N, C-alpha and C. Protein backbone atom coordinates (compact mmCIF):
# COMPACT_ATOMS: atom_id res chain seq x y z
N MET A 1 26.05 -112.74 8.57
CA MET A 1 25.12 -112.34 7.47
C MET A 1 25.59 -113.25 6.19
N ALA A 2 24.65 -113.86 5.53
CA ALA A 2 24.98 -114.63 4.44
C ALA A 2 25.36 -113.87 3.24
N VAL A 3 26.35 -114.33 2.49
CA VAL A 3 26.77 -113.63 1.31
C VAL A 3 25.74 -114.09 0.08
N VAL A 4 25.28 -113.06 -0.46
CA VAL A 4 24.25 -113.39 -1.71
C VAL A 4 25.11 -113.15 -2.97
N GLU A 5 25.09 -114.19 -3.77
CA GLU A 5 25.81 -114.29 -5.00
C GLU A 5 24.95 -113.80 -6.08
N PRO A 6 25.53 -113.26 -7.23
CA PRO A 6 24.84 -113.08 -8.46
C PRO A 6 24.29 -114.43 -9.06
N THR A 7 23.10 -114.34 -9.61
CA THR A 7 22.39 -115.58 -10.13
C THR A 7 21.59 -115.06 -11.34
N PHE A 8 21.35 -116.12 -12.14
CA PHE A 8 20.40 -116.01 -13.38
C PHE A 8 18.95 -115.94 -12.86
N ALA A 9 18.30 -115.04 -13.42
CA ALA A 9 16.80 -115.00 -13.02
C ALA A 9 15.89 -115.33 -14.28
N PRO A 10 14.62 -115.65 -14.02
CA PRO A 10 13.76 -115.92 -15.01
C PRO A 10 13.43 -114.72 -15.82
N ALA A 11 13.31 -113.54 -15.21
CA ALA A 11 12.97 -112.25 -15.95
C ALA A 11 13.16 -111.02 -15.19
N VAL A 12 13.24 -110.06 -15.69
CA VAL A 12 13.36 -108.72 -15.02
C VAL A 12 12.02 -108.42 -14.47
N PRO A 13 11.91 -108.28 -13.10
CA PRO A 13 10.63 -108.00 -12.52
C PRO A 13 10.01 -106.64 -12.80
N PRO A 14 8.86 -106.67 -13.47
CA PRO A 14 8.28 -105.41 -13.99
C PRO A 14 7.70 -104.53 -12.88
N ASP A 15 7.57 -105.03 -11.67
CA ASP A 15 6.90 -104.27 -10.52
C ASP A 15 7.92 -103.82 -9.43
N ALA A 16 9.25 -103.68 -9.65
CA ALA A 16 10.26 -103.31 -8.80
C ALA A 16 10.08 -101.85 -8.64
N PRO A 17 10.74 -101.18 -7.48
CA PRO A 17 10.60 -99.70 -7.35
C PRO A 17 11.21 -98.84 -8.42
N LEU A 18 12.20 -99.38 -9.08
CA LEU A 18 12.80 -98.78 -10.28
C LEU A 18 12.88 -99.93 -11.51
N VAL A 19 12.22 -99.40 -12.61
CA VAL A 19 12.26 -100.41 -13.83
C VAL A 19 12.61 -99.41 -14.94
N ALA A 20 13.51 -99.90 -15.71
CA ALA A 20 13.89 -99.27 -17.07
C ALA A 20 13.07 -100.02 -18.17
N ARG A 21 11.99 -99.21 -18.49
CA ARG A 21 11.21 -99.78 -19.71
C ARG A 21 11.58 -99.32 -20.99
N SER A 22 11.11 -99.91 -22.02
CA SER A 22 11.38 -99.60 -23.33
C SER A 22 10.62 -98.29 -23.76
N LYS A 23 11.12 -97.52 -24.64
CA LYS A 23 10.60 -96.37 -25.24
C LYS A 23 9.37 -96.81 -26.04
N GLY A 24 8.30 -96.05 -26.12
CA GLY A 24 7.21 -96.25 -27.10
C GLY A 24 7.61 -96.40 -28.51
N SER A 25 8.62 -95.58 -28.94
CA SER A 25 9.09 -95.66 -30.32
C SER A 25 9.76 -97.09 -30.60
N THR A 26 10.40 -97.71 -29.66
CA THR A 26 10.98 -99.04 -29.60
C THR A 26 9.86 -100.08 -30.11
N ARG A 27 8.88 -99.91 -29.40
CA ARG A 27 7.65 -100.70 -29.56
C ARG A 27 7.01 -100.56 -30.98
N VAL A 28 6.96 -99.29 -31.46
CA VAL A 28 6.43 -98.94 -32.72
C VAL A 28 7.28 -99.69 -33.79
N LEU A 29 8.69 -99.45 -33.64
CA LEU A 29 9.59 -99.98 -34.51
C LEU A 29 9.38 -101.35 -34.76
N ALA A 30 9.28 -102.15 -33.58
CA ALA A 30 9.22 -103.63 -33.52
C ALA A 30 7.88 -104.08 -34.47
N VAL A 31 6.79 -103.24 -34.20
CA VAL A 31 5.48 -103.60 -35.02
C VAL A 31 5.75 -103.31 -36.44
N VAL A 32 6.40 -102.22 -36.67
CA VAL A 32 6.77 -101.91 -38.18
C VAL A 32 7.59 -102.98 -38.84
N MET A 33 8.62 -103.53 -38.12
CA MET A 33 9.49 -104.60 -38.56
C MET A 33 8.59 -105.90 -38.61
N LEU A 34 7.65 -106.18 -37.86
CA LEU A 34 6.89 -107.29 -38.07
C LEU A 34 5.94 -107.17 -39.29
N VAL A 35 5.46 -105.95 -39.34
CA VAL A 35 4.45 -105.72 -40.65
C VAL A 35 5.26 -105.97 -41.86
N ALA A 36 6.63 -105.54 -41.87
CA ALA A 36 7.51 -105.75 -43.02
C ALA A 36 7.79 -107.15 -43.35
N VAL A 37 7.98 -108.01 -42.30
CA VAL A 37 8.02 -109.41 -42.45
C VAL A 37 6.87 -110.06 -43.03
N VAL A 38 5.59 -109.63 -42.62
CA VAL A 38 4.43 -110.17 -43.28
C VAL A 38 4.30 -109.80 -44.57
N LEU A 39 4.65 -108.37 -44.86
CA LEU A 39 4.59 -108.12 -46.22
C LEU A 39 5.52 -108.88 -47.14
N GLU A 40 6.59 -109.08 -46.70
CA GLU A 40 7.69 -109.84 -47.29
C GLU A 40 7.19 -111.23 -47.73
N VAL A 41 6.47 -111.82 -46.81
CA VAL A 41 6.04 -113.13 -47.07
C VAL A 41 4.86 -113.09 -48.01
N VAL A 42 4.04 -112.09 -47.97
CA VAL A 42 3.06 -111.80 -49.07
C VAL A 42 3.72 -111.74 -50.31
N LEU A 43 4.72 -110.92 -50.51
CA LEU A 43 5.49 -110.60 -51.72
C LEU A 43 5.99 -111.93 -52.34
N LEU A 44 6.60 -112.82 -51.49
CA LEU A 44 7.31 -113.73 -51.76
C LEU A 44 6.23 -114.90 -52.39
N ALA A 45 5.19 -115.00 -51.86
CA ALA A 45 4.07 -115.95 -52.18
C ALA A 45 3.48 -115.37 -53.58
N ALA A 46 3.34 -114.09 -53.62
CA ALA A 46 2.97 -113.60 -54.99
C ALA A 46 4.02 -113.81 -56.19
N VAL A 47 5.17 -113.62 -55.90
CA VAL A 47 6.29 -113.98 -56.97
C VAL A 47 6.23 -115.43 -57.17
N GLY A 48 6.18 -116.25 -56.07
CA GLY A 48 6.13 -117.64 -56.38
C GLY A 48 5.02 -118.14 -57.23
N LEU A 49 3.82 -117.46 -56.88
CA LEU A 49 2.65 -117.77 -57.75
C LEU A 49 2.84 -117.26 -59.17
N LEU A 50 3.40 -116.14 -59.47
CA LEU A 50 3.69 -115.49 -60.68
C LEU A 50 4.61 -116.46 -61.60
N VAL A 51 5.64 -116.99 -60.87
CA VAL A 51 6.50 -118.06 -61.53
C VAL A 51 5.75 -119.20 -61.98
N TYR A 52 4.83 -119.68 -60.93
CA TYR A 52 4.18 -121.04 -61.34
C TYR A 52 3.16 -120.72 -62.48
N LEU A 53 2.37 -119.63 -62.37
CA LEU A 53 1.41 -119.41 -63.38
C LEU A 53 2.12 -118.97 -64.70
N SER A 54 3.03 -118.20 -64.75
CA SER A 54 3.57 -117.74 -66.07
C SER A 54 4.38 -118.65 -66.67
N GLY A 55 5.21 -119.50 -65.98
CA GLY A 55 6.05 -120.35 -66.62
C GLY A 55 7.28 -119.72 -67.08
N PHE A 56 7.57 -118.52 -66.65
CA PHE A 56 8.82 -117.79 -67.05
C PHE A 56 9.79 -117.97 -65.96
N PRO A 57 10.94 -118.63 -66.24
CA PRO A 57 11.91 -118.98 -65.28
C PRO A 57 12.72 -117.71 -64.86
N MET A 58 12.64 -116.53 -65.59
CA MET A 58 13.42 -115.48 -65.20
C MET A 58 12.94 -114.94 -63.74
N PHE A 59 11.71 -115.25 -63.30
CA PHE A 59 11.27 -114.86 -62.00
C PHE A 59 11.87 -115.68 -60.89
N LEU A 60 12.55 -116.91 -61.40
CA LEU A 60 13.12 -117.58 -60.38
C LEU A 60 14.40 -116.96 -59.79
N ALA A 61 14.99 -116.05 -60.57
CA ALA A 61 16.01 -115.28 -60.02
C ALA A 61 15.84 -114.50 -58.91
N VAL A 62 14.66 -113.97 -58.76
CA VAL A 62 14.21 -113.10 -57.64
C VAL A 62 13.91 -113.78 -56.40
N LEU A 63 13.48 -115.07 -56.48
CA LEU A 63 13.00 -115.85 -55.33
C LEU A 63 14.24 -115.98 -54.35
N PRO A 64 15.37 -116.48 -54.71
CA PRO A 64 16.41 -116.58 -53.84
C PRO A 64 16.86 -115.28 -53.02
N LEU A 65 16.81 -114.19 -53.70
CA LEU A 65 17.00 -112.88 -53.01
C LEU A 65 16.02 -112.49 -52.13
N LEU A 66 14.73 -112.89 -52.43
CA LEU A 66 13.68 -112.45 -51.42
C LEU A 66 13.60 -113.46 -50.30
N LEU A 67 14.07 -114.77 -50.41
CA LEU A 67 14.17 -115.60 -49.30
C LEU A 67 15.42 -115.18 -48.38
N LEU A 68 16.36 -114.67 -48.99
CA LEU A 68 17.53 -114.17 -48.18
C LEU A 68 17.04 -113.03 -47.35
N GLN A 69 16.47 -112.14 -48.04
CA GLN A 69 15.93 -110.89 -47.36
C GLN A 69 15.05 -111.24 -46.23
N LEU A 70 14.11 -112.15 -46.50
CA LEU A 70 13.12 -112.61 -45.43
C LEU A 70 13.90 -113.23 -44.18
N GLY A 71 14.77 -114.07 -44.44
CA GLY A 71 15.56 -114.72 -43.56
C GLY A 71 16.28 -113.58 -42.63
N LEU A 72 16.98 -112.64 -43.27
CA LEU A 72 17.66 -111.68 -42.57
C LEU A 72 16.64 -110.76 -41.71
N MET A 73 15.48 -110.47 -42.34
CA MET A 73 14.48 -109.71 -41.52
C MET A 73 14.08 -110.46 -40.34
N VAL A 74 13.75 -111.77 -40.43
CA VAL A 74 13.35 -112.51 -39.16
C VAL A 74 14.38 -112.50 -38.20
N VAL A 75 15.71 -112.67 -38.47
CA VAL A 75 16.81 -112.69 -37.58
C VAL A 75 16.76 -111.38 -36.74
N VAL A 76 16.66 -110.18 -37.57
CA VAL A 76 16.79 -108.86 -36.96
C VAL A 76 15.52 -108.73 -35.95
N LEU A 77 14.44 -109.14 -36.47
CA LEU A 77 13.06 -109.08 -35.55
C LEU A 77 13.32 -109.83 -34.33
N ARG A 78 13.87 -110.99 -34.43
CA ARG A 78 14.02 -111.70 -33.29
C ARG A 78 15.03 -111.19 -32.28
N GLU A 79 16.02 -110.65 -32.72
CA GLU A 79 16.99 -109.78 -31.86
C GLU A 79 16.41 -108.71 -31.26
N TYR A 80 15.59 -107.96 -31.97
CA TYR A 80 14.92 -106.74 -31.61
C TYR A 80 13.96 -106.98 -30.44
N GLN A 81 13.40 -108.21 -30.41
CA GLN A 81 12.59 -108.53 -29.38
C GLN A 81 12.98 -108.29 -27.97
N GLY A 82 14.38 -108.45 -27.92
CA GLY A 82 14.92 -108.34 -26.50
C GLY A 82 14.89 -107.06 -25.82
N LEU A 83 14.64 -105.97 -26.73
CA LEU A 83 14.48 -104.56 -26.14
C LEU A 83 13.14 -104.25 -25.80
N LEU A 84 12.08 -105.15 -26.03
CA LEU A 84 10.64 -104.69 -25.87
C LEU A 84 10.11 -104.82 -24.41
N GLY A 85 10.82 -105.56 -23.48
CA GLY A 85 10.36 -105.72 -22.12
C GLY A 85 11.37 -104.81 -21.43
N PRO A 86 11.12 -104.95 -19.98
CA PRO A 86 12.04 -104.13 -19.19
C PRO A 86 13.46 -104.62 -19.23
N GLN A 87 14.40 -103.65 -19.37
CA GLN A 87 15.79 -104.03 -19.47
C GLN A 87 16.50 -104.07 -18.08
N LEU A 88 16.02 -103.42 -17.07
CA LEU A 88 16.63 -103.30 -15.83
C LEU A 88 15.56 -103.08 -14.77
N ALA A 89 15.83 -103.66 -13.60
CA ALA A 89 14.97 -103.24 -12.44
C ALA A 89 15.95 -103.34 -11.21
N ALA A 90 15.56 -102.56 -10.24
CA ALA A 90 16.22 -102.49 -8.94
C ALA A 90 15.42 -102.29 -7.83
N ASN A 91 15.75 -102.91 -6.66
CA ASN A 91 15.19 -102.73 -5.33
C ASN A 91 16.21 -102.71 -4.38
N ALA A 92 15.86 -102.74 -3.16
CA ALA A 92 16.91 -102.78 -2.00
C ALA A 92 17.73 -104.02 -2.11
N SER A 93 17.30 -105.09 -2.65
CA SER A 93 18.31 -106.33 -2.64
C SER A 93 19.40 -106.20 -3.71
N GLY A 94 19.01 -105.54 -4.86
CA GLY A 94 20.05 -105.59 -5.97
C GLY A 94 19.33 -105.02 -7.34
N VAL A 95 20.03 -105.51 -8.32
CA VAL A 95 19.59 -105.04 -9.72
C VAL A 95 19.49 -106.22 -10.62
N TRP A 96 18.38 -106.26 -11.37
CA TRP A 96 18.12 -107.35 -12.42
C TRP A 96 18.46 -106.68 -13.65
N VAL A 97 19.35 -107.28 -14.59
CA VAL A 97 19.64 -106.51 -15.85
C VAL A 97 19.67 -107.67 -16.82
N ARG A 98 19.14 -107.28 -18.14
CA ARG A 98 19.31 -108.25 -19.35
C ARG A 98 20.82 -108.30 -19.84
N THR A 99 21.20 -109.45 -20.27
CA THR A 99 22.52 -109.50 -20.68
C THR A 99 22.68 -109.64 -22.21
N GLY A 100 21.58 -109.43 -22.92
CA GLY A 100 21.69 -109.53 -24.44
C GLY A 100 20.26 -109.27 -25.06
N LEU A 101 20.21 -109.50 -26.25
CA LEU A 101 18.84 -109.30 -26.85
C LEU A 101 18.33 -110.69 -27.33
N GLY A 102 17.57 -110.68 -28.25
CA GLY A 102 17.08 -112.01 -28.76
C GLY A 102 15.66 -112.11 -28.11
N ARG A 103 15.13 -113.19 -28.54
CA ARG A 103 13.77 -113.52 -28.02
C ARG A 103 13.80 -113.93 -26.51
N LYS A 104 14.78 -114.52 -26.12
CA LYS A 104 14.91 -114.91 -24.65
C LYS A 104 16.16 -114.44 -24.08
N PRO A 105 16.40 -113.20 -23.73
CA PRO A 105 17.72 -112.75 -23.29
C PRO A 105 17.90 -113.27 -21.83
N GLU A 106 19.12 -113.52 -21.50
CA GLU A 106 19.31 -113.96 -20.13
C GLU A 106 19.26 -112.74 -19.30
N VAL A 107 18.80 -113.06 -17.94
CA VAL A 107 18.66 -111.95 -16.96
C VAL A 107 19.48 -112.42 -15.78
N VAL A 108 20.27 -111.37 -15.20
CA VAL A 108 21.07 -111.76 -14.04
C VAL A 108 20.62 -110.85 -12.96
N HIS A 109 20.60 -111.32 -11.74
CA HIS A 109 20.30 -110.60 -10.59
C HIS A 109 21.59 -110.38 -9.96
N LEU A 110 22.01 -109.15 -9.81
CA LEU A 110 23.24 -108.71 -9.08
C LEU A 110 22.92 -108.00 -7.77
N PRO A 111 23.34 -108.67 -6.68
CA PRO A 111 23.15 -108.02 -5.37
C PRO A 111 23.93 -106.76 -5.18
N TRP A 112 23.63 -105.87 -4.48
CA TRP A 112 24.41 -104.56 -4.41
C TRP A 112 25.84 -104.76 -4.01
N PRO A 113 26.21 -105.45 -3.14
CA PRO A 113 27.60 -105.80 -2.88
C PRO A 113 28.41 -106.23 -3.87
N ALA A 114 27.77 -106.99 -4.90
CA ALA A 114 28.42 -107.64 -6.05
C ALA A 114 28.66 -106.58 -7.17
N ILE A 115 28.15 -105.47 -7.08
CA ILE A 115 28.27 -104.39 -8.14
C ILE A 115 29.56 -103.50 -7.75
N ASP A 116 30.46 -103.56 -8.79
CA ASP A 116 31.77 -102.70 -8.55
C ASP A 116 31.46 -101.27 -8.82
N ALA A 117 30.77 -101.04 -9.98
CA ALA A 117 30.63 -99.66 -10.32
C ALA A 117 29.43 -99.56 -11.34
N ILE A 118 28.86 -98.42 -11.49
CA ILE A 118 27.75 -98.16 -12.52
C ILE A 118 28.35 -96.73 -13.07
N ASP A 119 28.26 -96.71 -14.46
CA ASP A 119 28.57 -95.54 -15.09
C ASP A 119 27.85 -95.45 -16.48
N VAL A 120 27.94 -94.23 -17.15
CA VAL A 120 27.28 -94.05 -18.49
C VAL A 120 28.38 -94.12 -19.42
N ALA A 121 28.32 -94.95 -20.47
CA ALA A 121 29.31 -95.17 -21.51
C ALA A 121 28.85 -94.38 -22.83
N ARG A 122 29.68 -94.21 -23.73
CA ARG A 122 29.43 -93.77 -25.00
C ARG A 122 28.29 -94.37 -25.75
N GLY A 123 27.45 -93.86 -26.33
CA GLY A 123 26.49 -94.65 -26.96
C GLY A 123 25.04 -94.03 -26.97
N PRO A 124 24.45 -93.65 -25.84
CA PRO A 124 24.70 -93.75 -24.42
C PRO A 124 24.29 -95.14 -23.87
N ALA A 125 25.04 -95.65 -23.11
CA ALA A 125 24.75 -96.93 -22.49
C ALA A 125 25.03 -96.88 -21.02
N LEU A 126 24.08 -97.43 -20.22
CA LEU A 126 24.45 -97.56 -18.75
C LEU A 126 25.16 -98.78 -18.57
N ARG A 127 26.21 -98.83 -18.00
CA ARG A 127 27.10 -99.94 -17.80
C ARG A 127 27.10 -100.29 -16.21
N ILE A 128 26.92 -101.57 -15.95
CA ILE A 128 27.00 -101.97 -14.65
C ILE A 128 28.14 -103.02 -14.58
N MET A 129 29.10 -102.68 -13.80
CA MET A 129 30.47 -103.48 -13.71
C MET A 129 30.20 -104.41 -12.56
N SER A 130 30.51 -105.58 -12.72
CA SER A 130 30.49 -106.60 -11.63
C SER A 130 31.32 -107.80 -12.02
N ARG A 131 32.57 -107.89 -11.36
CA ARG A 131 33.43 -109.08 -11.56
C ARG A 131 32.78 -110.36 -11.19
N GLN A 132 32.03 -110.38 -9.99
CA GLN A 132 31.14 -111.62 -9.56
C GLN A 132 30.07 -111.90 -10.58
N GLY A 133 29.46 -110.95 -11.14
CA GLY A 133 28.47 -111.18 -12.11
C GLY A 133 28.98 -111.81 -13.49
N ASP A 134 30.19 -111.22 -13.86
CA ASP A 134 30.85 -111.77 -15.04
C ASP A 134 31.27 -113.27 -14.81
N ALA A 135 31.55 -113.67 -13.59
CA ALA A 135 31.94 -115.02 -13.32
C ALA A 135 30.81 -116.02 -13.59
N LEU A 136 29.54 -115.44 -13.70
CA LEU A 136 28.56 -116.38 -14.07
C LEU A 136 28.71 -116.91 -15.50
N PHE A 137 29.49 -116.10 -16.37
CA PHE A 137 29.74 -116.55 -17.61
C PHE A 137 31.15 -117.10 -17.88
N ALA A 138 31.60 -117.86 -16.88
CA ALA A 138 32.99 -118.33 -16.87
C ALA A 138 33.34 -119.39 -18.11
N ARG A 139 32.22 -120.21 -18.48
CA ARG A 139 32.47 -120.95 -19.56
C ARG A 139 32.14 -120.12 -20.77
N ARG A 140 32.19 -120.78 -21.94
CA ARG A 140 32.11 -119.92 -23.25
C ARG A 140 30.76 -119.31 -23.26
N ALA A 141 30.88 -117.96 -23.15
CA ALA A 141 29.52 -117.10 -23.11
C ALA A 141 28.87 -117.05 -24.55
N HIS A 142 27.71 -116.84 -24.38
CA HIS A 142 26.94 -116.47 -25.74
C HIS A 142 27.51 -115.30 -26.51
N TRP A 143 27.23 -115.45 -27.90
CA TRP A 143 28.02 -114.43 -28.61
C TRP A 143 27.47 -113.01 -28.30
N ARG A 144 26.26 -112.90 -27.70
CA ARG A 144 25.73 -111.52 -27.31
C ARG A 144 26.55 -111.06 -26.30
N VAL A 145 26.79 -112.08 -25.23
CA VAL A 145 27.74 -111.54 -24.04
C VAL A 145 28.92 -111.16 -24.46
N ARG A 146 29.51 -111.93 -25.36
CA ARG A 146 30.97 -111.61 -25.79
C ARG A 146 30.98 -110.30 -26.54
N SER A 147 30.05 -110.05 -27.39
CA SER A 147 29.96 -108.79 -28.01
C SER A 147 29.83 -107.61 -27.13
N LEU A 148 29.04 -107.73 -26.06
CA LEU A 148 28.78 -106.69 -25.15
C LEU A 148 30.12 -106.44 -24.49
N ARG A 149 30.68 -107.47 -23.96
CA ARG A 149 32.08 -107.36 -23.29
C ARG A 149 33.10 -106.60 -24.04
N ARG A 150 33.08 -106.99 -25.35
CA ARG A 150 34.21 -106.24 -26.20
C ARG A 150 33.83 -104.87 -26.46
N ARG A 151 32.52 -104.53 -26.60
CA ARG A 151 32.16 -103.29 -26.74
C ARG A 151 32.14 -102.20 -25.55
N PHE A 152 31.66 -102.79 -24.55
CA PHE A 152 31.41 -101.94 -23.32
C PHE A 152 32.24 -102.42 -22.02
N GLY A 153 32.99 -103.48 -22.10
CA GLY A 153 33.66 -103.92 -20.96
C GLY A 153 32.87 -104.78 -19.99
N THR A 154 31.58 -104.84 -20.20
CA THR A 154 30.64 -105.65 -19.27
C THR A 154 29.44 -106.14 -20.12
N PRO A 155 28.99 -107.35 -19.77
CA PRO A 155 27.61 -107.70 -20.43
C PRO A 155 26.40 -107.05 -19.89
N PHE A 156 26.58 -106.27 -18.91
CA PHE A 156 25.36 -105.61 -18.03
C PHE A 156 25.16 -104.26 -18.44
N ILE A 157 24.52 -104.02 -19.50
CA ILE A 157 24.34 -102.69 -20.06
C ILE A 157 22.73 -102.48 -20.28
N VAL A 158 22.34 -101.38 -20.31
CA VAL A 158 21.00 -100.73 -20.68
C VAL A 158 21.24 -99.90 -21.82
N ASP A 159 20.59 -100.00 -22.96
CA ASP A 159 20.75 -99.11 -24.16
C ASP A 159 19.96 -97.77 -23.83
N GLY A 160 20.63 -96.78 -23.72
CA GLY A 160 19.88 -95.47 -23.41
C GLY A 160 19.00 -95.06 -24.54
N ARG A 161 19.31 -95.52 -25.76
CA ARG A 161 18.50 -94.97 -26.89
C ARG A 161 17.10 -95.59 -26.88
N ARG A 162 17.05 -96.75 -26.40
CA ARG A 162 15.79 -97.54 -26.45
C ARG A 162 15.18 -97.57 -25.11
N SER A 163 15.71 -97.01 -24.07
CA SER A 163 14.95 -96.98 -22.74
C SER A 163 14.17 -95.78 -22.72
N ALA A 164 13.02 -95.79 -21.93
CA ALA A 164 12.17 -94.64 -21.72
C ALA A 164 12.84 -93.62 -20.77
N THR A 165 13.77 -94.14 -19.95
CA THR A 165 14.47 -93.27 -18.93
C THR A 165 16.02 -93.04 -19.60
N GLU A 166 16.50 -91.94 -19.55
CA GLU A 166 17.83 -91.60 -20.04
C GLU A 166 18.77 -92.38 -19.22
N ALA A 167 20.00 -92.74 -19.74
CA ALA A 167 21.07 -93.53 -19.03
C ALA A 167 21.67 -92.73 -17.93
N HIS A 168 21.84 -91.51 -17.95
CA HIS A 168 22.44 -90.77 -16.87
C HIS A 168 21.42 -90.61 -15.72
N GLN A 169 20.12 -90.55 -16.08
CA GLN A 169 18.93 -90.61 -15.05
C GLN A 169 18.99 -91.90 -14.29
N LEU A 170 19.05 -93.07 -15.06
CA LEU A 170 19.10 -94.47 -14.46
C LEU A 170 20.24 -94.50 -13.52
N ALA A 171 21.42 -93.99 -14.08
CA ALA A 171 22.58 -93.97 -13.15
C ALA A 171 22.41 -93.38 -11.71
N ALA A 172 21.87 -92.12 -11.79
CA ALA A 172 21.61 -91.47 -10.64
C ALA A 172 20.61 -92.13 -9.71
N MET A 173 19.56 -92.77 -10.42
CA MET A 173 18.53 -93.41 -9.61
C MET A 173 19.29 -94.77 -8.87
N LEU A 174 20.01 -95.37 -9.68
CA LEU A 174 20.69 -96.63 -9.10
C LEU A 174 21.74 -96.17 -8.09
N ASP A 175 22.24 -95.14 -8.19
CA ASP A 175 23.17 -94.66 -7.29
C ASP A 175 22.43 -94.38 -5.84
N SER A 176 21.35 -93.83 -5.88
CA SER A 176 20.57 -93.62 -4.62
C SER A 176 20.18 -95.04 -4.00
N PHE A 177 19.83 -95.94 -4.75
CA PHE A 177 19.43 -97.30 -4.18
C PHE A 177 20.81 -97.86 -3.65
N GLY A 178 21.86 -97.78 -4.41
CA GLY A 178 23.09 -98.52 -3.99
C GLY A 178 23.72 -97.97 -2.80
N ARG A 179 23.51 -96.72 -2.62
CA ARG A 179 24.14 -96.18 -1.31
C ARG A 179 23.43 -96.43 -0.09
N SER A 180 22.28 -96.88 -0.16
CA SER A 180 21.47 -97.18 1.12
C SER A 180 21.77 -98.65 1.52
N GLY A 181 22.65 -98.69 2.48
CA GLY A 181 22.85 -99.91 3.21
C GLY A 181 24.00 -100.75 2.70
N THR A 182 24.73 -100.30 1.51
CA THR A 182 25.81 -100.99 1.07
C THR A 182 27.11 -100.27 1.05
N ASN A 183 28.19 -100.80 0.55
CA ASN A 183 29.47 -100.07 0.51
C ASN A 183 29.79 -99.88 -0.91
N TRP A 184 28.83 -99.91 -1.66
CA TRP A 184 29.08 -99.50 -3.22
C TRP A 184 28.72 -98.16 -3.34
N SER A 185 29.57 -97.51 -4.32
CA SER A 185 29.16 -96.17 -4.75
C SER A 185 29.65 -96.07 -6.17
N MET A 186 29.18 -95.10 -6.90
CA MET A 186 29.62 -94.76 -8.27
C MET A 186 30.88 -94.09 -8.23
N PRO A 187 31.76 -94.42 -9.33
CA PRO A 187 32.98 -93.72 -9.43
C PRO A 187 32.64 -92.17 -9.69
N PRO A 188 33.42 -91.33 -9.20
CA PRO A 188 33.07 -89.75 -9.21
C PRO A 188 32.91 -89.28 -10.68
N GLY A 189 31.86 -88.59 -10.96
CA GLY A 189 31.80 -88.00 -12.36
C GLY A 189 31.29 -88.99 -13.33
N SER A 190 31.09 -90.25 -12.97
CA SER A 190 30.81 -91.19 -14.02
C SER A 190 29.55 -90.96 -14.71
N ASP A 191 28.44 -90.36 -14.00
CA ASP A 191 27.21 -90.22 -14.63
C ASP A 191 27.08 -89.01 -15.69
N ALA A 192 28.27 -88.24 -15.72
CA ALA A 192 28.26 -87.01 -16.43
C ALA A 192 28.74 -87.29 -17.84
N ARG A 193 29.22 -88.38 -18.20
CA ARG A 193 29.84 -88.65 -19.62
C ARG A 193 28.95 -88.33 -20.64
């Protein structure tokens, strides 16, 4: 039997038997942030026009602050976009999981034999532990991956607060997939944290 290694995938497949989708409130928050960015651009244009028409340089002090705020809002909105699509999918071959946020987060396919453990961490976050999957990031990993490793011990997580399915329910469903035909199993009591 051929050994299947973890690999990068183009996306989390939305049609797998198990898919961790985003909550509706996550999508609503993304729309609210987008509207706030648009309103910020309108406000910035209005202040710029006011400065131009009035000739009062005191309004110039406000423009750098508005530009800084706009820049920060755009960065937050781009990072938040990573939570809008499916965060995880699973089938009999393995698990696809996002490894970060951002506009184009990396997706890794982890075959079941490559998964060491799955548990629910504080936060709540579903953690998928895979030494073989971590090896994909052998060279200097992206800052998002490094941040997740420091915080959770693995780059393969699903944010339970943003997922439509609770983290402990996802862990139980993954456990049922993982036990069929593989030697992988969850650590005892790990889904009850």
